[in-house]
Amino acid sequence: DSLPPLLTHHLLVFTVPPNTVQLSWIVQAFRGDLQTTSLTFGNMITCAQSLQSEYAEEKYETQVGKLKEEVAWMFVEAVDQLAKLELIDNIQKLGLANLFEEQIKESLDTIVSTKNKKPSIEDEDLYATALRLRLLRQHGYGVSQDMFRGFMDIAMEKPHMEYTHLNVKAMLELFEASHLALEGEKMLDDAKVFFAGILKNIISSNSNDKLAKQLAHAMELPLHWRVQWYEVRQHILAHEQEDKPNSILLELAKINFNMVQATHQKDLMGIAR
């Protein structure tokens, strides 16, 4: 199933009634036409009233309910800590976190109570630990940067060591986690600078490579600074291209995305009346 056009400006909030240009832009954003043209106010009302989506129908609520049950069972099946972290991460990136707040909190409560060893130089340890810190801090848990001390001590002692043997995913995850550093957390600040240099070298040496393009996009802004629903659409499209996509999560993410857009279309019709 193809995704509908992205609602780029669904988060716009006006403190005063929108003018002709603003409404024109929003209507076109809903329709996927981002070439802004001049519309009269009367034409804009007609356009807004014509915006209808089948995803406002009750049958999709029922379908979402069934898929939610299947995803909730995934939390039970994900016994391994890394599997749970990756499940939570995927759910967040696909715009589904609000549907599983209880399961996410319960999982993170369990994870934060489990003492982890400090990561070694091995990429799997680094990736899992960086993902753990990022998710826990995003959800307000107090976790120490010291979990990276062993790795960063080696990195700072041997700054010219070849680190490209590390999994790129692990380095990118630590780079993302470093943006959640608190004031005075020099270790995470150093990690940000250190891995930014390595990742930039990978990008420059593989400028036309798919991986390089993904890295360049990821390094523009950290995940938690991005506009949520724009990124959700990108993650849905990326998940479709994976070798073994989670079909249940993907189906739920698509329906949820379309239902959110349908809600905003309904709101827009109210504004345009």
Protein backbone atom coordinates (compact mmCIF):
# COMPACT_ATOMS: atom_id res chain seq x y z
CA ASP A 1 0.00 0.00 0.00
CA SER A 2 1.34 3.41 -0.90
CA LEU A 3 1.53 6.15 1.67
CA PRO A 4 -0.50 9.34 1.19
CA PRO A 5 1.29 12.66 0.66
CA LEU A 6 3.02 13.86 3.80
CA LEU A 7 1.27 16.56 5.79
CA THR A 8 4.33 18.75 6.18
CA HIS A 9 2.67 21.50 8.22
CA HIS A 10 0.31 19.50 10.39
CA LEU A 11 1.84 21.02 13.55
CA LEU A 12 1.29 24.65 12.61
CA VAL A 13 -0.58 26.60 15.26
CA PHE A 14 -1.92 30.05 14.46
CA THR A 15 -2.43 32.63 17.19
CA VAL A 16 -4.48 34.71 14.75
CA PRO A 17 -6.72 33.60 11.85
CA PRO A 18 -4.51 32.38 8.98
CA ASN A 19 -4.24 34.57 5.93
CA THR A 20 -4.80 33.54 2.30
CA VAL A 21 -1.21 32.47 1.68
CA GLN A 22 -1.03 30.38 4.87
CA LEU A 23 -4.28 28.54 4.17
CA SER A 24 -3.23 27.96 0.57
CA TRP A 25 0.01 26.39 1.77
CA ILE A 26 -1.75 24.12 4.26
CA VAL A 27 -4.36 22.92 1.75
CA GLN A 28 -1.64 22.06 -0.74
CA ALA A 29 0.39 20.31 1.95
CA PHE A 30 -2.58 18.04 2.66
CA ARG A 31 -2.90 17.27 -1.04
CA GLY A 32 0.83 16.74 -1.47
CA ASP A 33 1.25 19.71 -3.84
CA LEU A 34 4.07 21.78 -2.36
CA GLN A 35 4.21 24.26 -5.25
CA THR A 36 2.56 27.20 -3.54
CA THR A 37 0.11 29.03 -5.80
CA SER A 38 -2.29 31.84 -5.11
CA LEU A 39 -5.85 30.80 -4.25
CA THR A 40 -8.83 32.98 -3.41
CA PHE A 41 -10.36 32.47 0.02
CA GLY A 42 -13.51 31.02 -1.56
CA ASN A 43 -11.49 28.51 -3.57
CA MET A 44 -9.58 27.52 -0.44
CA ILE A 45 -12.80 26.72 1.37
CA THR A 46 -13.89 24.54 -1.57
CA CYS A 47 -10.49 22.77 -1.55
CA ALA A 48 -10.61 22.19 2.20
CA GLN A 49 -14.12 20.78 2.08
CA SER A 50 -13.07 18.35 -0.66
CA LEU A 51 -10.38 16.83 1.57
CA GLN A 52 -11.79 13.50 2.65
CA SER A 53 -10.07 10.32 3.79
CA GLU A 54 -11.38 6.80 4.16
CA TYR A 55 -9.14 6.47 7.23
CA ALA A 56 -11.65 8.45 9.27
CA GLU A 57 -13.96 5.42 9.10
CA GLU A 58 -14.57 3.21 12.12
CA LYS A 59 -13.33 0.03 10.42
CA TYR A 60 -9.75 1.26 10.74
CA GLU A 61 -10.15 1.72 14.49
CA THR A 62 -11.05 -1.98 14.69
CA GLN A 63 -8.07 -2.93 12.55
CA VAL A 64 -5.75 -0.84 14.72
CA GLY A 65 -7.09 -2.58 17.82
CA LYS A 66 -6.22 -6.02 16.43
CA LEU A 67 -2.74 -4.94 15.35
CA LYS A 68 -2.09 -3.35 18.76
CA GLU A 69 -2.76 -6.70 20.42
CA GLU A 70 -0.17 -8.35 18.17
CA VAL A 71 2.43 -5.66 18.89
CA ALA A 72 1.74 -5.87 22.64
CA TRP A 73 2.58 -9.57 22.43
CA MET A 74 5.94 -8.63 20.87
CA PHE A 75 6.90 -7.00 24.18
CA VAL A 76 6.29 -10.34 25.91
CA GLU A 77 8.31 -12.25 23.32
CA ALA A 78 11.25 -9.79 23.44
CA VAL A 79 13.00 -11.36 26.42
CA ASP A 80 16.47 -10.12 25.49
CA GLN A 81 17.17 -6.54 26.63
CA LEU A 82 18.51 -5.44 23.24
CA ALA A 83 15.45 -6.89 21.48
CA LYS A 84 13.19 -4.85 23.78
CA LEU A 85 15.22 -1.69 23.20
CA GLU A 86 15.08 -2.13 19.43
CA LEU A 87 11.34 -2.80 19.56
CA ILE A 88 10.77 0.42 21.54
CA ASP A 89 13.04 2.34 19.17
CA ASN A 90 11.18 1.08 16.10
CA ILE A 91 7.80 1.85 17.67
CA GLN A 92 8.90 5.41 18.41
CA LYS A 93 10.37 5.99 14.96
CA LEU A 94 7.19 4.71 13.30
CA GLY A 95 5.03 7.16 15.28
CA LEU A 96 3.37 4.52 17.48
CA ALA A 97 4.73 5.37 20.94
CA ASN A 98 1.45 6.89 22.15
CA LEU A 99 -0.29 3.56 21.49
CA PHE A 100 2.08 1.60 23.74
CA GLU A 101 2.92 3.95 26.60
CA GLU A 102 2.22 1.34 29.27
CA GLN A 103 4.34 -1.39 27.64
CA ILE A 104 7.21 1.02 26.96
CA LYS A 105 7.27 2.28 30.55
CA GLU A 106 7.12 -1.24 31.98
CA SER A 107 9.97 -2.36 29.72
CA LEU A 108 12.18 0.63 30.51
CA ASP A 109 11.51 0.26 34.25
CA THR A 110 12.81 -3.30 33.99
CA ILE A 111 15.80 -2.29 31.90
CA VAL A 112 16.87 0.57 34.18
CA SER A 113 16.78 -1.77 37.18
CA THR A 114 19.18 -4.16 35.48
CA LYS A 115 22.86 -3.47 36.07
CA ASN A 116 24.82 -3.49 32.83
CA LYS A 117 28.54 -3.88 32.41
CA LYS A 118 30.43 -1.01 30.78
CA PRO A 119 30.74 -1.49 27.03
CA SER A 120 33.92 -2.94 25.61
CA ILE A 121 35.45 -1.91 22.30
CA GLU A 122 33.15 -4.44 20.60
CA ASP A 123 30.48 -2.82 18.47
CA GLU A 124 27.50 -4.82 19.81
CA ASP A 125 28.24 -3.70 23.37
CA LEU A 126 28.62 -0.11 22.24
CA TYR A 127 25.45 -0.15 20.14
CA ALA A 128 23.28 -1.69 22.86
CA THR A 129 24.61 0.65 25.54
CA ALA A 130 24.20 3.78 23.41
CA LEU A 131 20.66 2.78 22.49
CA ARG A 132 19.91 2.10 26.14
CA LEU A 133 21.17 5.52 27.26
CA ARG A 134 19.32 7.38 24.48
CA LEU A 135 15.96 5.74 25.12
CA LEU A 136 16.17 5.98 28.89
CA ARG A 137 17.12 9.65 28.83
CA GLN A 138 14.43 10.45 26.26
CA HIS A 139 11.91 9.01 28.72
CA GLY A 140 13.27 10.93 31.70
CA TYR A 141 15.30 8.23 33.45
CA GLY A 142 18.46 9.30 35.22
CA VAL A 143 21.28 7.20 33.79
CA SER A 144 24.98 7.96 34.02
CA GLN A 145 27.36 8.61 31.16
CA ASP A 146 29.83 6.39 33.03
CA MET A 147 28.51 3.38 31.13
CA PHE A 148 30.73 4.57 28.26
CA ARG A 149 33.84 5.22 30.33
CA GLY A 150 35.75 2.07 29.37
CA PHE A 151 35.25 2.64 25.67
CA MET A 152 35.93 6.38 25.70
CA ASP A 153 39.08 5.93 27.80
CA ILE A 154 40.50 3.76 25.03
CA ALA A 155 39.31 6.15 22.33
CA MET A 156 40.90 9.20 23.99
CA GLU A 157 44.17 7.37 24.67
CA LYS A 158 44.43 6.24 21.04
CA PRO A 159 42.70 8.96 19.01
CA HIS A 160 44.43 7.87 15.79
CA MET A 161 43.39 4.24 16.12
CA GLU A 162 41.40 2.83 13.18
CA TYR A 163 37.79 2.61 14.32
CA THR A 164 36.13 1.86 11.00
CA HIS A 165 35.98 -1.82 12.03
CA LEU A 166 33.21 -0.82 14.40
CA ASN A 167 29.65 -1.28 13.24
CA VAL A 168 28.54 2.05 11.72
CA LYS A 169 25.19 1.54 13.44
CA ALA A 170 26.98 1.46 16.80
CA MET A 171 28.90 4.67 16.11
CA LEU A 172 25.80 6.47 14.87
CA GLU A 173 23.81 5.37 17.92
CA LEU A 174 26.47 6.76 20.27
CA PHE A 175 26.53 9.99 18.25
CA GLU A 176 22.74 10.24 18.70
CA ALA A 177 23.02 9.48 22.42
CA SER A 178 25.68 12.17 22.85
CA HIS A 179 23.11 14.85 21.98
CA LEU A 180 21.33 14.02 25.22
CA ALA A 181 24.35 15.00 27.30
CA LEU A 182 23.67 17.05 30.40
CA GLU A 183 25.63 20.18 31.23
CA GLY A 184 29.17 19.28 32.23
CA GLU A 185 29.11 15.73 30.81
CA LYS A 186 32.44 16.03 29.04
CA MET A 187 32.61 12.35 28.12
CA LEU A 188 29.49 12.54 25.96
CA ASP A 189 30.57 15.88 24.51
CA ASP A 190 33.90 14.34 23.54
CA ALA A 191 32.10 11.32 22.06
CA LYS A 192 29.99 13.61 19.88
CA VAL A 193 33.04 15.33 18.41
CA PHE A 194 35.03 12.10 18.12
CA PHE A 195 32.41 10.09 16.25
CA ALA A 196 31.23 13.03 14.16
CA GLY A 197 34.72 13.10 12.64
CA ILE A 198 34.72 9.37 11.88
CA LEU A 199 31.20 9.41 10.42
CA LYS A 200 32.00 12.45 8.25
CA ASN A 201 35.01 10.60 6.84
CA ILE A 202 32.78 7.64 5.97
CA ILE A 203 30.35 10.00 4.22
CA SER A 204 33.06 11.78 2.22
CA SER A 205 34.66 8.52 1.06
CA ASN A 206 31.31 7.03 -0.01
CA SER A 207 29.47 10.10 -1.28
CA ASN A 208 27.11 8.22 -3.61
CA ASP A 209 26.56 5.26 -1.36
CA LYS A 210 23.13 4.62 0.21
CA LEU A 211 24.71 4.32 3.65
CA ALA A 212 26.49 7.66 3.23
CA LYS A 213 23.20 9.36 2.37
CA GLN A 214 21.57 7.86 5.45
CA LEU A 215 24.45 9.03 7.62
CA ALA A 216 24.37 12.54 6.13
CA HIS A 217 20.66 12.78 6.90
CA ALA A 218 21.13 11.47 10.44
CA MET A 219 23.91 13.94 11.17
CA GLU A 220 21.94 16.99 10.10
CA LEU A 221 19.85 16.90 13.27
CA PRO A 222 19.53 14.41 16.14
CA LEU A 223 16.33 12.37 16.18
CA HIS A 224 14.68 14.17 19.10
CA TRP A 225 15.03 17.58 17.40
CA ARG A 226 13.23 16.60 14.21
CA VAL A 227 9.62 17.24 13.19
CA GLN A 228 7.93 14.01 14.28
CA TRP A 229 5.54 13.18 11.45
CA TYR A 230 7.95 14.09 8.68
CA GLU A 231 10.44 11.65 10.18
CA VAL A 232 7.76 9.03 10.73
CA ARG A 233 7.03 8.94 7.02
CA GLN A 234 10.74 8.62 6.23
CA HIS A 235 11.10 5.75 8.70
CA ILE A 236 8.06 3.96 7.28
CA LEU A 237 9.54 4.17 3.78
CA ALA A 238 12.95 3.03 5.05
CA HIS A 239 11.40 0.14 6.99
CA GLU A 240 9.70 -1.05 3.81
CA GLN A 241 13.11 -1.32 2.14
CA GLU A 242 14.66 -3.47 4.86
CA ASP A 243 15.48 -7.10 4.12
CA LYS A 244 13.15 -8.39 6.84
CA PRO A 245 10.65 -5.66 7.73
CA ASN A 246 8.26 -6.23 10.62
CA SER A 247 5.03 -6.49 8.63
CA ILE A 248 2.77 -6.00 11.66
CA LEU A 249 4.52 -2.83 12.82
CA LEU A 250 4.64 -1.56 9.25
CA GLU A 251 0.93 -2.10 8.65
CA LEU A 252 0.01 -0.45 11.95
CA ALA A 253 2.33 2.48 11.26
CA LYS A 254 0.79 3.11 7.84
CA ILE A 255 -2.79 2.97 9.13
CA ASN A 256 -1.92 5.18 12.11
CA PHE A 257 -0.15 7.71 9.87
CA ASN A 258 -3.17 7.88 7.56
CA MET A 259 -5.58 8.19 10.49
CA VAL A 260 -3.58 11.06 11.97
CA GLN A 261 -3.63 12.79 8.61
CA ALA A 262 -7.38 12.22 8.33
CA THR A 263 -7.85 13.90 11.73
CA HIS A 264 -5.87 16.94 10.60
CA GLN A 265 -7.83 17.09 7.36
CA LYS A 266 -11.01 17.23 9.43
CA ASP A 267 -9.49 20.04 11.54
CA LEU A 268 -8.56 21.93 8.40
CA MET A 269 -12.10 21.74 7.10
CA GLY A 270 -13.22 23.30 10.38
CA ILE A 271 -10.72 26.15 9.95
CA ALA A 272 -11.74 26.78 6.35
CA ARG A 273 -15.49 26.98 7.04
